[in-house]
Amino acid sequence: MTHAMTAAGETAPLDFDTLFETYQTEALRAAYLICGNRADAEDAVQEAFVQCYRHLDALRDPEKAKAWLFRILTRTAWRVSGKSRRETPVDDLYAGCEPAGEDAEAPILRADRAAQIRRALARLEVKQRTAVVLYYYNGLSVRQTARAMGCLEGTVKSRLYHAREKLRTILEVDFDEI
């Protein structure tokens, strides 16, 4: 069984329910951005959490639970997205993220910009897209992203750099067409 340190210095088990409740929303968003559609994302998240449940005792350091989960999720999302390329709009992944007290046009503009970014992300190579999702959307460090993707930190930095350059180009072209 996996354990976490308590304030008293004792070890407390890291239970699956806590892992699931803590990361389910982030995992679905990450899987969606990697896979490109909700159906595949849900499949990937479900498979990843099943693997986590089965192998929870393999997690030696509970402080690394997020990186461990996202490594499993990343690999699963790559596999699932490779099987299927269907598209389903998923605007509700960003629901509830709007700040209160703004004019009526702001949510529309934000939704339009989010859609542009999702379309641009979809045009990235899958490993670049995964690095962007894990680093920017899920807040993993370069080191955690490298662990999740199973590569070196320098590789993550390179993928992030090239992804940013490609996204800049894509978004500038999209913006000029408006």
N, C-alpha and C. Protein backbone atom coordinates (compact mmCIF):
# COMPACT_ATOMS: atom_id res chain seq x y z
N MET A 1 0.84 -1.17 0.00
CA MET A 1 0.00 0.00 0.00
C MET A 1 0.89 1.24 0.00
N THR A 2 0.48 2.27 -0.69
CA THR A 2 1.24 3.50 -0.78
C THR A 2 0.92 4.39 0.42
N HIS A 3 1.93 5.11 0.90
CA HIS A 3 1.74 5.92 2.09
C HIS A 3 2.19 7.34 1.85
N ALA A 4 1.59 8.28 2.57
CA ALA A 4 1.97 9.69 2.54
C ALA A 4 2.33 10.10 3.96
N MET A 5 3.19 11.09 4.09
CA MET A 5 3.58 11.57 5.42
C MET A 5 2.49 12.50 5.96
N THR A 6 2.16 12.33 7.21
CA THR A 6 1.21 13.21 7.87
C THR A 6 1.98 14.29 8.61
N ALA A 7 1.27 15.26 9.18
CA ALA A 7 1.91 16.35 9.91
C ALA A 7 2.73 15.81 11.09
N ALA A 8 2.30 14.73 11.66
CA ALA A 8 3.00 14.15 12.81
C ALA A 8 4.19 13.29 12.38
N GLY A 9 4.45 13.20 11.06
CA GLY A 9 5.56 12.42 10.57
C GLY A 9 5.22 10.96 10.35
N GLU A 10 3.96 10.60 10.57
CA GLU A 10 3.53 9.22 10.34
C GLU A 10 3.17 9.05 8.87
N THR A 11 3.08 7.81 8.43
CA THR A 11 2.68 7.59 7.06
C THR A 11 1.20 7.25 7.02
N ALA A 12 0.52 7.85 6.04
CA ALA A 12 -0.90 7.59 5.84
C ALA A 12 -1.08 7.05 4.43
N PRO A 13 -1.95 6.09 4.25
CA PRO A 13 -2.11 5.50 2.92
C PRO A 13 -2.70 6.51 1.93
N LEU A 14 -2.17 6.47 0.70
CA LEU A 14 -2.74 7.26 -0.39
C LEU A 14 -3.83 6.39 -0.99
N ASP A 15 -5.06 6.79 -0.81
CA ASP A 15 -6.13 5.95 -1.30
C ASP A 15 -6.57 6.39 -2.70
N PHE A 16 -7.13 5.45 -3.41
CA PHE A 16 -7.54 5.68 -4.78
C PHE A 16 -8.61 6.77 -4.88
N ASP A 17 -9.56 6.78 -3.95
CA ASP A 17 -10.63 7.78 -3.99
C ASP A 17 -10.07 9.20 -3.95
N THR A 18 -9.08 9.43 -3.13
CA THR A 18 -8.45 10.75 -3.04
C THR A 18 -7.75 11.09 -4.36
N LEU A 19 -7.02 10.15 -4.90
CA LEU A 19 -6.35 10.35 -6.17
C LEU A 19 -7.36 10.70 -7.26
N PHE A 20 -8.44 9.95 -7.33
CA PHE A 20 -9.46 10.17 -8.35
C PHE A 20 -10.14 11.53 -8.18
N GLU A 21 -10.58 11.83 -6.97
CA GLU A 21 -11.27 13.10 -6.72
C GLU A 21 -10.37 14.30 -6.98
N THR A 22 -9.11 14.17 -6.66
CA THR A 22 -8.17 15.27 -6.82
C THR A 22 -7.87 15.57 -8.29
N TYR A 23 -7.76 14.54 -9.11
CA TYR A 23 -7.25 14.73 -10.47
C TYR A 23 -8.21 14.41 -11.60
N GLN A 24 -9.44 14.00 -11.32
CA GLN A 24 -10.32 13.57 -12.40
C GLN A 24 -10.59 14.67 -13.42
N THR A 25 -10.84 15.90 -12.99
CA THR A 25 -11.13 16.99 -13.92
C THR A 25 -9.91 17.35 -14.75
N GLU A 26 -8.76 17.48 -14.09
CA GLU A 26 -7.51 17.77 -14.81
C GLU A 26 -7.19 16.66 -15.81
N ALA A 27 -7.41 15.43 -15.40
CA ALA A 27 -7.12 14.29 -16.28
C ALA A 27 -8.01 14.31 -17.51
N LEU A 28 -9.30 14.60 -17.33
CA LEU A 28 -10.20 14.64 -18.47
C LEU A 28 -9.82 15.77 -19.42
N ARG A 29 -9.50 16.94 -18.88
CA ARG A 29 -9.09 18.06 -19.73
C ARG A 29 -7.82 17.71 -20.51
N ALA A 30 -6.84 17.13 -19.82
CA ALA A 30 -5.59 16.77 -20.48
C ALA A 30 -5.83 15.72 -21.56
N ALA A 31 -6.61 14.71 -21.24
CA ALA A 31 -6.89 13.65 -22.22
C ALA A 31 -7.64 14.21 -23.41
N TYR A 32 -8.58 15.12 -23.17
CA TYR A 32 -9.31 15.73 -24.28
C TYR A 32 -8.37 16.50 -25.19
N LEU A 33 -7.48 17.27 -24.60
CA LEU A 33 -6.57 18.07 -25.40
C LEU A 33 -5.56 17.21 -26.15
N ILE A 34 -5.24 16.05 -25.61
CA ILE A 34 -4.33 15.13 -26.30
C ILE A 34 -5.08 14.37 -27.39
N CYS A 35 -6.26 13.86 -27.06
CA CYS A 35 -7.02 13.01 -27.99
C CYS A 35 -7.81 13.81 -29.03
N GLY A 36 -8.32 14.97 -28.63
CA GLY A 36 -9.07 15.80 -29.57
C GLY A 36 -10.57 15.59 -29.54
N ASN A 37 -11.07 14.66 -28.74
CA ASN A 37 -12.52 14.49 -28.64
C ASN A 37 -12.87 13.87 -27.30
N ARG A 38 -14.10 14.10 -26.89
CA ARG A 38 -14.53 13.70 -25.55
C ARG A 38 -14.61 12.18 -25.38
N ALA A 39 -15.12 11.49 -26.39
CA ALA A 39 -15.29 10.04 -26.26
C ALA A 39 -13.95 9.35 -26.00
N ASP A 40 -12.95 9.68 -26.79
CA ASP A 40 -11.63 9.09 -26.59
C ASP A 40 -11.03 9.53 -25.27
N ALA A 41 -11.24 10.80 -24.91
CA ALA A 41 -10.71 11.31 -23.65
C ALA A 41 -11.29 10.55 -22.46
N GLU A 42 -12.60 10.33 -22.49
CA GLU A 42 -13.24 9.60 -21.40
C GLU A 42 -12.71 8.16 -21.32
N ASP A 43 -12.53 7.53 -22.49
CA ASP A 43 -11.96 6.18 -22.52
C ASP A 43 -10.56 6.16 -21.91
N ALA A 44 -9.74 7.13 -22.32
CA ALA A 44 -8.36 7.20 -21.84
C ALA A 44 -8.32 7.42 -20.33
N VAL A 45 -9.16 8.33 -19.83
CA VAL A 45 -9.18 8.61 -18.40
C VAL A 45 -9.63 7.38 -17.62
N GLN A 46 -10.66 6.73 -18.11
CA GLN A 46 -11.15 5.54 -17.42
C GLN A 46 -10.07 4.46 -17.38
N GLU A 47 -9.44 4.20 -18.51
CA GLU A 47 -8.38 3.19 -18.55
C GLU A 47 -7.21 3.56 -17.64
N ALA A 48 -6.84 4.85 -17.64
CA ALA A 48 -5.72 5.30 -16.81
C ALA A 48 -6.03 5.12 -15.32
N PHE A 49 -7.23 5.49 -14.92
CA PHE A 49 -7.57 5.33 -13.50
C PHE A 49 -7.69 3.86 -13.11
N VAL A 50 -8.13 3.02 -14.02
CA VAL A 50 -8.16 1.57 -13.73
C VAL A 50 -6.73 1.07 -13.51
N GLN A 51 -5.80 1.49 -14.37
CA GLN A 51 -4.40 1.09 -14.20
C GLN A 51 -3.85 1.61 -12.88
N CYS A 52 -4.19 2.85 -12.53
CA CYS A 52 -3.73 3.42 -11.26
C CYS A 52 -4.27 2.60 -10.09
N TYR A 53 -5.52 2.24 -10.15
CA TYR A 53 -6.14 1.46 -9.08
C TYR A 53 -5.42 0.11 -8.93
N ARG A 54 -5.16 -0.51 -10.06
CA ARG A 54 -4.51 -1.83 -10.03
C ARG A 54 -3.08 -1.77 -9.51
N HIS A 55 -2.40 -0.66 -9.75
CA HIS A 55 -0.98 -0.57 -9.43
C HIS A 55 -0.67 0.50 -8.40
N LEU A 56 -1.65 0.87 -7.58
CA LEU A 56 -1.44 1.91 -6.57
C LEU A 56 -0.29 1.55 -5.63
N ASP A 57 -0.12 0.28 -5.36
CA ASP A 57 0.97 -0.14 -4.47
C ASP A 57 2.35 0.07 -5.09
N ALA A 58 2.43 0.29 -6.41
CA ALA A 58 3.71 0.52 -7.08
C ALA A 58 4.19 1.97 -6.89
N LEU A 59 3.30 2.84 -6.48
CA LEU A 59 3.67 4.24 -6.25
C LEU A 59 4.40 4.34 -4.92
N ARG A 60 5.70 4.56 -4.97
CA ARG A 60 6.51 4.57 -3.77
C ARG A 60 6.49 5.93 -3.07
N ASP A 61 6.36 7.00 -3.84
CA ASP A 61 6.40 8.35 -3.27
C ASP A 61 5.09 9.06 -3.61
N PRO A 62 4.19 9.20 -2.65
CA PRO A 62 2.89 9.83 -2.89
C PRO A 62 3.01 11.27 -3.39
N GLU A 63 4.14 11.93 -3.13
CA GLU A 63 4.34 13.29 -3.62
C GLU A 63 4.45 13.31 -5.14
N LYS A 64 4.73 12.17 -5.73
CA LYS A 64 4.86 12.07 -7.18
C LYS A 64 3.61 11.47 -7.82
N ALA A 65 2.51 11.43 -7.09
CA ALA A 65 1.28 10.81 -7.58
C ALA A 65 0.77 11.48 -8.85
N LYS A 66 0.82 12.81 -8.90
CA LYS A 66 0.31 13.53 -10.08
C LYS A 66 1.12 13.17 -11.32
N ALA A 67 2.44 13.21 -11.22
CA ALA A 67 3.28 12.86 -12.37
C ALA A 67 3.09 11.40 -12.76
N TRP A 68 2.94 10.53 -11.78
CA TRP A 68 2.72 9.10 -12.04
C TRP A 68 1.40 8.90 -12.78
N LEU A 69 0.34 9.53 -12.29
CA LEU A 69 -0.96 9.43 -12.94
C LEU A 69 -0.89 9.96 -14.37
N PHE A 70 -0.27 11.13 -14.56
CA PHE A 70 -0.23 11.72 -15.89
C PHE A 70 0.69 10.97 -16.84
N ARG A 71 1.65 10.24 -16.32
CA ARG A 71 2.45 9.37 -17.20
C ARG A 71 1.57 8.25 -17.74
N ILE A 72 0.80 7.63 -16.86
CA ILE A 72 -0.12 6.57 -17.28
C ILE A 72 -1.16 7.14 -18.24
N LEU A 73 -1.72 8.30 -17.89
CA LEU A 73 -2.75 8.92 -18.73
C LEU A 73 -2.21 9.29 -20.09
N THR A 74 -1.02 9.86 -20.14
CA THR A 74 -0.41 10.26 -21.41
C THR A 74 -0.26 9.07 -22.35
N ARG A 75 0.33 8.02 -21.84
CA ARG A 75 0.52 6.81 -22.66
C ARG A 75 -0.81 6.24 -23.13
N THR A 76 -1.78 6.23 -22.24
CA THR A 76 -3.11 5.70 -22.59
C THR A 76 -3.77 6.59 -23.63
N ALA A 77 -3.69 7.90 -23.46
CA ALA A 77 -4.30 8.83 -24.42
C ALA A 77 -3.65 8.71 -25.79
N TRP A 78 -2.34 8.54 -25.83
CA TRP A 78 -1.67 8.36 -27.12
C TRP A 78 -2.20 7.11 -27.82
N ARG A 79 -2.32 6.03 -27.05
CA ARG A 79 -2.79 4.78 -27.63
C ARG A 79 -4.24 4.90 -28.10
N VAL A 80 -5.09 5.46 -27.26
CA VAL A 80 -6.51 5.59 -27.61
C VAL A 80 -6.70 6.52 -28.80
N SER A 81 -5.98 7.64 -28.81
CA SER A 81 -6.15 8.59 -29.91
C SER A 81 -5.60 8.05 -31.21
N GLY A 82 -4.65 7.14 -31.13
CA GLY A 82 -4.12 6.51 -32.33
C GLY A 82 -5.12 5.58 -32.99
N LYS A 83 -6.05 5.05 -32.19
CA LYS A 83 -7.07 4.14 -32.71
C LYS A 83 -8.20 4.87 -33.42
N SER A 84 -8.47 6.10 -32.99
CA SER A 84 -9.66 6.79 -33.47
C SER A 84 -9.37 8.27 -33.70
N ARG A 85 -9.95 8.83 -34.73
CA ARG A 85 -9.78 10.25 -35.02
C ARG A 85 -11.12 10.96 -35.15
N ARG A 86 -12.13 10.52 -34.40
CA ARG A 86 -13.43 11.17 -34.48
C ARG A 86 -13.39 12.48 -33.68
N GLU A 87 -14.23 13.44 -34.06
CA GLU A 87 -14.26 14.74 -33.39
C GLU A 87 -15.63 15.01 -32.80
N THR A 88 -15.64 15.45 -31.57
CA THR A 88 -16.85 15.84 -30.87
C THR A 88 -16.56 17.14 -30.14
N PRO A 89 -17.35 18.21 -30.37
CA PRO A 89 -17.06 19.45 -29.65
C PRO A 89 -17.26 19.28 -28.14
N VAL A 90 -16.36 19.87 -27.39
CA VAL A 90 -16.44 19.76 -25.94
C VAL A 90 -16.21 21.14 -25.33
N ASP A 91 -17.23 21.97 -25.35
CA ASP A 91 -17.11 23.29 -24.76
C ASP A 91 -17.30 23.26 -23.26
N ASP A 92 -17.96 22.22 -22.75
CA ASP A 92 -18.27 22.18 -21.32
C ASP A 92 -17.05 21.87 -20.45
N LEU A 93 -15.90 21.51 -21.04
CA LEU A 93 -14.71 21.28 -20.23
C LEU A 93 -14.24 22.57 -19.57
N TYR A 94 -14.61 23.70 -20.15
CA TYR A 94 -14.18 24.98 -19.63
C TYR A 94 -15.32 25.71 -18.92
N ALA A 95 -16.45 25.05 -18.74
CA ALA A 95 -17.58 25.66 -18.06
C ALA A 95 -17.23 25.96 -16.62
N GLY A 96 -17.77 27.02 -16.13
CA GLY A 96 -17.54 27.40 -14.75
C GLY A 96 -16.21 28.10 -14.50
N CYS A 97 -15.47 28.40 -15.55
CA CYS A 97 -14.18 29.05 -15.40
C CYS A 97 -14.26 30.55 -15.66
N GLU A 98 -15.45 31.08 -15.95
CA GLU A 98 -15.59 32.49 -16.28
C GLU A 98 -15.63 33.33 -15.02
N PRO A 99 -14.86 34.42 -15.00
CA PRO A 99 -14.93 35.32 -13.86
C PRO A 99 -16.28 36.03 -13.82
N ALA A 100 -16.76 36.33 -12.61
CA ALA A 100 -18.05 37.01 -12.46
C ALA A 100 -17.85 38.51 -12.67
N GLY A 101 -18.94 39.21 -12.98
CA GLY A 101 -18.94 40.66 -13.08
C GLY A 101 -18.28 41.21 -14.32
N GLU A 102 -18.46 40.58 -15.46
CA GLU A 102 -17.90 41.10 -16.69
C GLU A 102 -19.01 41.33 -17.69
N ASP A 103 -18.70 42.04 -18.77
CA ASP A 103 -19.74 42.32 -19.75
C ASP A 103 -20.14 41.07 -20.51
N ALA A 104 -21.26 41.13 -21.20
CA ALA A 104 -21.82 39.96 -21.86
C ALA A 104 -20.95 39.45 -23.01
N GLU A 105 -20.14 40.32 -23.59
CA GLU A 105 -19.32 39.93 -24.73
C GLU A 105 -18.08 39.13 -24.32
N ALA A 106 -17.59 39.33 -23.11
CA ALA A 106 -16.35 38.69 -22.67
C ALA A 106 -16.39 37.17 -22.73
N PRO A 107 -17.45 36.50 -22.23
CA PRO A 107 -17.48 35.04 -22.32
C PRO A 107 -17.47 34.54 -23.77
N ILE A 108 -18.12 35.27 -24.65
CA ILE A 108 -18.14 34.87 -26.07
C ILE A 108 -16.74 34.98 -26.66
N LEU A 109 -16.08 36.09 -26.37
CA LEU A 109 -14.72 36.26 -26.89
C LEU A 109 -13.77 35.22 -26.30
N ARG A 110 -13.93 34.93 -25.00
CA ARG A 110 -13.08 33.94 -24.35
C ARG A 110 -13.33 32.55 -24.95
N ALA A 111 -14.59 32.21 -25.18
CA ALA A 111 -14.91 30.91 -25.77
C ALA A 111 -14.36 30.80 -27.19
N ASP A 112 -14.44 31.90 -27.94
CA ASP A 112 -13.90 31.90 -29.30
C ASP A 112 -12.38 31.71 -29.27
N ARG A 113 -11.71 32.40 -28.37
CA ARG A 113 -10.25 32.28 -28.26
C ARG A 113 -9.87 30.87 -27.80
N ALA A 114 -10.62 30.31 -26.86
CA ALA A 114 -10.34 28.94 -26.40
C ALA A 114 -10.51 27.95 -27.55
N ALA A 115 -11.53 28.17 -28.39
CA ALA A 115 -11.74 27.29 -29.55
C ALA A 115 -10.58 27.42 -30.53
N GLN A 116 -10.10 28.64 -30.74
CA GLN A 116 -8.95 28.85 -31.64
C GLN A 116 -7.71 28.12 -31.10
N ILE A 117 -7.50 28.20 -29.81
CA ILE A 117 -6.34 27.54 -29.21
C ILE A 117 -6.48 26.03 -29.30
N ARG A 118 -7.68 25.50 -29.06
CA ARG A 118 -7.89 24.05 -29.18
C ARG A 118 -7.62 23.59 -30.61
N ARG A 119 -8.10 24.36 -31.60
CA ARG A 119 -7.84 24.00 -33.00
C ARG A 119 -6.34 24.05 -33.30
N ALA A 120 -5.67 25.05 -32.78
CA ALA A 120 -4.22 25.16 -33.00
C ALA A 120 -3.49 24.01 -32.32
N LEU A 121 -3.89 23.66 -31.09
CA LEU A 121 -3.28 22.52 -30.39
C LEU A 121 -3.45 21.23 -31.18
N ALA A 122 -4.61 21.06 -31.78
CA ALA A 122 -4.89 19.84 -32.54
C ALA A 122 -3.96 19.71 -33.75
N ARG A 123 -3.41 20.82 -34.21
CA ARG A 123 -2.52 20.79 -35.37
C ARG A 123 -1.07 20.46 -34.99
N LEU A 124 -0.77 20.43 -33.70
CA LEU A 124 0.57 20.07 -33.26
C LEU A 124 0.77 18.56 -33.34
N GLU A 125 2.01 18.16 -33.48
CA GLU A 125 2.38 16.75 -33.39
C GLU A 125 2.03 16.29 -31.97
N VAL A 126 1.60 15.06 -31.81
CA VAL A 126 1.03 14.57 -30.54
C VAL A 126 1.97 14.74 -29.35
N LYS A 127 3.25 14.55 -29.52
CA LYS A 127 4.16 14.67 -28.38
C LYS A 127 4.37 16.13 -28.00
N GLN A 128 4.36 17.04 -28.98
CA GLN A 128 4.42 18.47 -28.67
C GLN A 128 3.13 18.89 -27.95
N ARG A 129 2.00 18.43 -28.47
CA ARG A 129 0.71 18.77 -27.86
C ARG A 129 0.65 18.25 -26.42
N THR A 130 1.13 17.05 -26.20
CA THR A 130 1.12 16.47 -24.86
C THR A 130 1.99 17.30 -23.92
N ALA A 131 3.17 17.70 -24.36
CA ALA A 131 4.04 18.53 -23.52
C ALA A 131 3.35 19.84 -23.15
N VAL A 132 2.69 20.47 -24.11
CA VAL A 132 1.97 21.73 -23.85
C VAL A 132 0.85 21.50 -22.85
N VAL A 133 0.08 20.46 -23.05
CA VAL A 133 -1.05 20.18 -22.16
C VAL A 133 -0.58 19.92 -20.73
N LEU A 134 0.42 19.07 -20.58
CA LEU A 134 0.88 18.74 -19.24
C LEU A 134 1.53 19.94 -18.54
N TYR A 135 2.31 20.71 -19.29
CA TYR A 135 3.04 21.82 -18.70
C TYR A 135 2.13 23.03 -18.46
N TYR A 136 1.40 23.46 -19.47
CA TYR A 136 0.62 24.69 -19.34
C TYR A 136 -0.79 24.47 -18.77
N TYR A 137 -1.46 23.44 -19.20
CA TYR A 137 -2.84 23.23 -18.75
C TYR A 137 -2.90 22.53 -17.40
N ASN A 138 -1.97 21.64 -17.13
CA ASN A 138 -2.03 20.86 -15.89
C ASN A 138 -0.98 21.28 -14.87
N GLY A 139 -0.15 22.24 -15.22
CA GLY A 139 0.78 22.81 -14.27
C GLY A 139 1.90 21.91 -13.80
N LEU A 140 2.24 20.89 -14.57
CA LEU A 140 3.36 20.04 -14.21
C LEU A 140 4.65 20.80 -14.53
N SER A 141 5.67 20.58 -13.74
CA SER A 141 6.98 21.17 -14.01
C SER A 141 7.59 20.47 -15.21
N VAL A 142 8.70 21.01 -15.71
CA VAL A 142 9.41 20.35 -16.82
C VAL A 142 9.83 18.95 -16.38
N ARG A 143 10.32 18.83 -15.15
CA ARG A 143 10.76 17.52 -14.65
C ARG A 143 9.58 16.54 -14.59
N GLN A 144 8.43 16.99 -14.05
CA GLN A 144 7.25 16.12 -13.96
C GLN A 144 6.73 15.76 -15.35
N THR A 145 6.76 16.72 -16.27
CA THR A 145 6.32 16.47 -17.64
C THR A 145 7.22 15.43 -18.29
N ALA A 146 8.52 15.55 -18.06
CA ALA A 146 9.47 14.57 -18.61
C ALA A 146 9.18 13.19 -18.06
N ARG A 147 8.92 13.10 -16.76
CA ARG A 147 8.59 11.80 -16.17
C ARG A 147 7.30 11.25 -16.77
N ALA A 148 6.30 12.12 -16.89
CA ALA A 148 5.01 11.68 -17.43
C ALA A 148 5.13 11.20 -18.87
N MET A 149 6.00 11.86 -19.63
CA MET A 149 6.15 11.49 -21.05
C MET A 149 7.22 10.44 -21.27
N GLY A 150 7.99 10.14 -20.24
CA GLY A 150 9.04 9.13 -20.37
C GLY A 150 10.21 9.59 -21.23
N CYS A 151 10.60 10.85 -21.06
CA CYS A 151 11.71 11.38 -21.85
C CYS A 151 12.57 12.28 -20.97
N LEU A 152 13.62 12.85 -21.54
CA LEU A 152 14.51 13.73 -20.81
C LEU A 152 13.92 15.13 -20.69
N GLU A 153 14.36 15.87 -19.67
CA GLU A 153 13.89 17.24 -19.47
C GLU A 153 14.22 18.11 -20.68
N GLY A 154 15.39 17.93 -21.26
CA GLY A 154 15.77 18.70 -22.44
C GLY A 154 14.84 18.45 -23.61
N THR A 155 14.35 17.22 -23.72
CA THR A 155 13.41 16.89 -24.78
C THR A 155 12.09 17.63 -24.57
N VAL A 156 11.65 17.71 -23.33
CA VAL A 156 10.42 18.45 -23.01
C VAL A 156 10.61 19.93 -23.35
N LYS A 157 11.74 20.50 -22.94
CA LYS A 157 12.00 21.91 -23.24
C LYS A 157 12.01 22.16 -24.74
N SER A 158 12.60 21.26 -25.49
CA SER A 158 12.63 21.39 -26.94
C SER A 158 11.22 21.29 -27.54
N ARG A 159 10.44 20.33 -27.07
CA ARG A 159 9.07 20.17 -27.56
C ARG A 159 8.22 21.39 -27.23
N LEU A 160 8.41 21.94 -26.04
CA LEU A 160 7.67 23.14 -25.65
C LEU A 160 8.07 24.33 -26.53
N TYR A 161 9.35 24.48 -26.78
CA TYR A 161 9.83 25.58 -27.61
C TYR A 161 9.25 25.48 -29.02
N HIS A 162 9.37 24.31 -29.63
CA HIS A 162 8.87 24.14 -31.00
C HIS A 162 7.35 24.24 -31.06
N ALA A 163 6.69 23.76 -30.03
CA ALA A 163 5.23 23.88 -29.98
C ALA A 163 4.81 25.34 -29.89
N ARG A 164 5.48 26.11 -29.03
CA ARG A 164 5.16 27.54 -28.92
C ARG A 164 5.37 28.26 -30.24
N GLU A 165 6.46 27.94 -30.92
CA GLU A 165 6.73 28.57 -32.22
C GLU A 165 5.64 28.22 -33.23
N LYS A 166 5.26 26.95 -33.28
CA LYS A 166 4.22 26.54 -34.22
C LYS A 166 2.87 27.15 -33.85
N LEU A 167 2.55 27.17 -32.56
CA LEU A 167 1.29 27.78 -32.12
C LEU A 167 1.26 29.27 -32.46
N ARG A 168 2.38 29.95 -32.26
CA ARG A 168 2.45 31.37 -32.60
C ARG A 168 2.16 31.57 -34.09
N THR A 169 2.77 30.75 -34.91
CA THR A 169 2.54 30.85 -36.36
C THR A 169 1.09 30.55 -36.72
N ILE A 170 0.56 29.48 -36.18
CA ILE A 170 -0.83 29.08 -36.47
C ILE A 170 -1.80 30.17 -36.02
N LEU A 171 -1.62 30.67 -34.80
CA LEU A 171 -2.55 31.66 -34.27
C LEU A 171 -2.42 33.00 -34.99
N GLU A 172 -1.22 33.37 -35.42
CA GLU A 172 -1.07 34.60 -36.19
C GLU A 172 -1.77 34.50 -37.54
N VAL A 173 -1.65 33.35 -38.20
CA VAL A 173 -2.32 33.13 -39.48
C VAL A 173 -3.83 33.15 -39.27
N ASP A 174 -4.32 32.43 -38.25
CA ASP A 174 -5.76 32.42 -37.95
C ASP A 174 -6.26 33.83 -37.65
N PHE A 175 -5.48 34.60 -36.90
CA PHE A 175 -5.89 35.95 -36.54
C PHE A 175 -5.93 36.85 -37.78
N ASP A 176 -4.96 36.69 -38.69
CA ASP A 176 -4.94 37.49 -39.92
C ASP A 176 -6.11 37.17 -40.84
N GLU A 177 -6.64 35.94 -40.76
CA GLU A 177 -7.76 35.57 -41.62
C GLU A 177 -9.08 36.14 -41.15
N ILE A 178 -9.13 36.63 -39.93
CA ILE A 178 -10.38 37.17 -39.38
C ILE A 178 -10.65 38.55 -39.92
